[in-house]
Amino acid sequence: MRQAKSFTISNEVLAAIASTKGERSTSERVNELLRRGLELERRERLEQEAAEFFANNVEDVRERAAFQKASKETLSRD
């Protein structure tokens, strides 16, 4: 669904959009850029979450080492 909205955009951004839109309408180009920007933000958030999750705090390192040791022992029995 499309919905008309009004936003203020700087002249520099409008010029860049106009020069890169090709055969598409300005609205189509703006929507494409917004989708790309939103996807980029989503990926950056996921990368940040992953970095926080895998941060090397002492307890995580110990737990990971214990899990790896137990896994190796289990696999060596097979």
Protein backbone atom coordinates (compact mmCIF):
# COMPACT_ATOMS: atom_id res chain seq x y z
CA MET A 1 0.00 0.00 0.00
CA ARG A 2 1.28 3.45 -0.84
CA GLN A 3 0.60 6.48 1.26
CA ALA A 4 1.45 10.09 0.46
CA LYS A 5 3.55 11.79 3.12
CA SER A 6 5.34 15.09 3.22
CA PHE A 7 9.01 15.31 4.25
CA THR A 8 11.60 18.02 4.03
CA ILE A 9 14.68 16.94 2.08
CA SER A 10 17.81 19.02 1.53
CA ASN A 11 18.58 20.29 -1.97
CA GLU A 12 21.82 18.27 -2.02
CA VAL A 13 19.95 15.03 -1.39
CA LEU A 14 17.31 15.90 -3.98
CA ALA A 15 20.04 16.58 -6.55
CA ALA A 16 21.72 13.24 -5.78
CA ILE A 17 18.39 11.43 -6.11
CA ALA A 18 17.61 13.16 -9.40
CA SER A 19 21.02 12.28 -10.83
CA THR A 20 20.76 8.58 -9.87
CA LYS A 21 17.11 7.77 -10.46
CA GLY A 22 17.43 6.87 -14.14
CA GLU A 23 14.05 6.02 -15.69
CA ARG A 24 12.36 5.55 -12.32
CA SER A 25 10.27 8.16 -10.57
CA THR A 26 11.75 10.17 -7.74
CA SER A 27 9.38 8.40 -5.32
CA GLU A 28 10.55 4.98 -6.48
CA ARG A 29 14.21 6.00 -6.04
CA VAL A 30 13.56 7.45 -2.58
CA ASN A 31 11.73 4.27 -1.53
CA GLU A 32 14.61 2.15 -2.80
CA LEU A 33 17.13 4.21 -0.85
CA LEU A 34 15.03 4.11 2.30
CA ARG A 35 14.67 0.32 2.07
CA ARG A 36 18.44 -0.02 1.63
CA GLY A 37 19.08 2.30 4.57
CA LEU A 38 16.68 0.39 6.79
CA GLU A 39 18.30 -2.93 5.81
CA LEU A 40 21.74 -1.48 6.55
CA GLU A 41 20.57 -0.34 10.00
CA ARG A 42 19.10 -3.79 10.68
CA ARG A 43 22.39 -5.47 9.77
CA GLU A 44 24.37 -3.05 11.92
CA ARG A 45 22.10 -3.80 14.90
CA LEU A 46 22.53 -7.55 14.34
CA GLU A 47 26.31 -7.15 14.14
CA GLN A 48 26.28 -5.17 17.37
CA GLU A 49 24.13 -7.80 19.09
CA ALA A 50 26.49 -10.54 17.88
CA ALA A 51 29.52 -8.61 19.10
CA GLU A 52 27.93 -8.19 22.52
CA PHE A 53 26.91 -11.85 22.61
CA PHE A 54 30.38 -13.09 21.73
CA ALA A 55 32.27 -10.56 23.84
CA ASN A 56 35.02 -12.32 25.72
CA ASN A 57 34.01 -12.04 29.31
CA VAL A 58 35.71 -14.50 31.66
CA GLU A 59 32.64 -16.56 32.51
CA ASP A 60 31.71 -17.10 28.85
CA VAL A 61 35.25 -18.19 28.01
CA ARG A 62 35.22 -20.74 30.86
CA GLU A 63 31.80 -22.07 29.85
CA ARG A 64 32.83 -22.33 26.20
CA ALA A 65 36.03 -24.18 27.11
CA ALA A 66 34.12 -26.62 29.34
CA PHE A 67 31.57 -27.26 26.58
CA GLN A 68 34.31 -27.86 24.01
CA LYS A 69 36.11 -30.26 26.35
CA ALA A 70 32.91 -32.20 27.04
CA SER A 71 32.11 -32.32 23.33
CA LYS A 72 35.55 -33.69 22.48
CA GLU A 73 35.24 -36.36 25.18
CA THR A 74 31.82 -37.36 23.87
CA LEU A 75 33.02 -37.53 20.28
CA SER A 76 36.14 -39.51 21.23
CA ARG A 77 33.92 -42.21 22.76
CA ASP A 78 32.15 -42.77 19.45
